[in-house]
Amino acid sequence: MGNVSVVTKDTWDSEVLQANGLVVVDFWAVWCGPCKMVSPIVDELAKDYDGRAKIVKLNTDENPEIASRYQIMGIPTIMFFKDGKGIDKLVGALSKGQYKEKIDALLAA
């Protein structure tokens, strides 16, 4: 997985809500076909943004309380947090360019 951390309900607060800067969370599940397409893109983004953004993955089947807290209705959902606050999200399998565009905009903000 390179620089991608796996978060769970037990590590959510420390890894996402208490993190400084931009955190990108990939909400996914094992059975989700589009999630499998997005996974290698997320791994590449972690390398591309190493040191500038933290990239993590959360399995929605194993952590349903976190998914419901953020009203994750469809997966894959990529949610963006800045200094512990949810600021944006992208739903569905998108291209690497679309994710990069959003991350670049959020880093520049």
Protein backbone atom coordinates (compact mmCIF):
# COMPACT_ATOMS: atom_id res chain seq x y z
CA MET A 1 0.00 0.00 0.00
CA GLY A 2 2.96 2.36 0.10
CA ASN A 3 2.08 5.43 2.13
CA VAL A 4 -1.60 4.57 2.63
CA SER A 5 -2.64 3.88 6.21
CA VAL A 6 -5.63 1.75 7.09
CA VAL A 7 -7.88 3.40 9.67
CA THR A 8 -10.56 1.81 11.84
CA LYS A 9 -13.07 3.15 14.34
CA ASP A 10 -10.34 2.77 16.98
CA THR A 11 -7.78 4.90 15.11
CA TRP A 12 -10.19 7.32 13.36
CA ASP A 13 -9.89 10.18 15.86
CA SER A 14 -6.10 10.12 16.10
CA GLU A 15 -5.44 9.46 12.39
CA VAL A 16 -8.09 11.76 10.85
CA LEU A 17 -9.77 14.14 13.28
CA GLN A 18 -6.62 15.09 15.19
CA ALA A 19 -4.37 15.27 12.11
CA ASN A 20 -3.05 18.61 10.91
CA GLY A 21 -3.47 19.55 7.28
CA LEU A 22 -5.24 17.62 4.56
CA VAL A 23 -6.38 14.03 5.10
CA VAL A 24 -7.89 12.08 2.19
CA VAL A 25 -10.08 9.13 3.24
CA ASP A 26 -11.01 6.34 0.82
CA PHE A 27 -14.25 4.71 2.04
CA TRP A 28 -14.37 1.25 0.42
CA ALA A 29 -15.48 -2.38 0.82
CA VAL A 30 -14.06 -5.72 -0.36
CA TRP A 31 -17.13 -6.57 -2.51
CA CYS A 32 -17.16 -3.19 -4.31
CA GLY A 33 -15.97 -3.44 -7.94
CA PRO A 34 -15.44 0.31 -8.48
CA CYS A 35 -13.48 0.41 -5.20
CA LYS A 36 -11.02 -2.07 -6.72
CA MET A 37 -10.54 0.30 -9.68
CA VAL A 38 -9.93 3.29 -7.38
CA SER A 39 -7.56 1.49 -4.99
CA PRO A 40 -4.41 1.65 -7.18
CA ILE A 41 -5.15 5.33 -7.91
CA VAL A 42 -5.34 6.03 -4.17
CA ASP A 43 -2.00 4.24 -3.72
CA GLU A 44 -0.46 6.43 -6.45
CA LEU A 45 -1.92 9.59 -4.91
CA ALA A 46 -0.31 8.65 -1.59
CA LYS A 47 3.08 8.58 -3.30
CA ASP A 48 2.40 11.77 -5.31
CA TYR A 49 1.31 13.75 -2.24
CA ASP A 50 3.72 12.25 0.30
CA GLY A 51 4.50 14.93 2.87
CA ARG A 52 1.69 17.22 1.65
CA ALA A 53 -1.45 15.17 2.35
CA LYS A 54 -2.20 12.10 4.43
CA ILE A 55 -4.03 9.34 2.54
CA VAL A 56 -5.96 6.66 4.45
CA LYS A 57 -8.47 3.89 3.71
CA LEU A 58 -11.47 2.85 5.77
CA ASN A 59 -13.36 -0.40 5.17
CA THR A 60 -17.05 0.52 5.51
CA ASP A 61 -18.11 -3.08 6.26
CA GLU A 62 -15.74 -3.29 9.23
CA ASN A 63 -16.43 0.27 10.44
CA PRO A 64 -20.12 1.00 9.72
CA GLU A 65 -20.42 3.57 12.51
CA ILE A 66 -17.85 5.85 10.86
CA ALA A 67 -19.47 5.46 7.43
CA SER A 68 -22.89 6.32 8.83
CA ARG A 69 -21.51 9.27 10.84
CA TYR A 70 -20.41 10.88 7.56
CA GLN A 71 -23.50 9.73 5.61
CA ILE A 72 -21.49 7.58 3.18
CA MET A 73 -24.30 6.26 0.97
CA GLY A 74 -22.29 4.96 -1.98
CA ILE A 75 -18.77 3.67 -2.35
CA PRO A 76 -16.15 4.38 -3.31
CA THR A 77 -16.38 7.76 -1.60
CA ILE A 78 -13.25 9.83 -1.20
CA MET A 79 -13.73 12.33 1.64
CA PHE A 80 -11.44 15.24 2.39
CA PHE A 81 -10.70 16.52 5.90
CA LYS A 82 -8.67 19.60 6.74
CA ASP A 83 -7.51 20.03 10.34
CA GLY A 84 -10.09 17.49 11.50
CA LYS A 85 -13.12 18.88 9.66
CA GLY A 86 -14.86 17.18 6.73
CA ILE A 87 -14.69 19.73 3.91
CA ASP A 88 -15.58 17.88 0.71
CA LYS A 89 -16.16 14.49 -0.90
CA LEU A 90 -16.17 12.79 -4.28
CA VAL A 91 -18.46 9.80 -4.85
CA GLY A 92 -17.89 7.06 -7.42
CA ALA A 93 -14.89 5.85 -9.38
CA LEU A 94 -13.19 8.88 -10.93
CA SER A 95 -9.95 9.36 -12.82
CA LYS A 96 -6.64 10.08 -11.13
CA GLY A 97 -6.73 13.53 -12.75
CA GLN A 98 -10.07 14.33 -11.13
CA TYR A 99 -8.77 13.38 -7.68
CA LYS A 100 -5.54 15.34 -8.24
CA GLU A 101 -7.50 18.41 -9.31
CA LYS A 102 -9.53 18.32 -6.07
CA ILE A 103 -6.50 17.66 -3.84
CA ASP A 104 -4.49 20.44 -5.52
CA ALA A 105 -7.38 22.89 -5.03
CA LEU A 106 -7.76 21.94 -1.36
CA LEU A 107 -4.01 22.20 -0.73
CA ALA A 108 -3.96 25.65 -2.33
CA ALA A 109 -6.97 26.88 -0.34
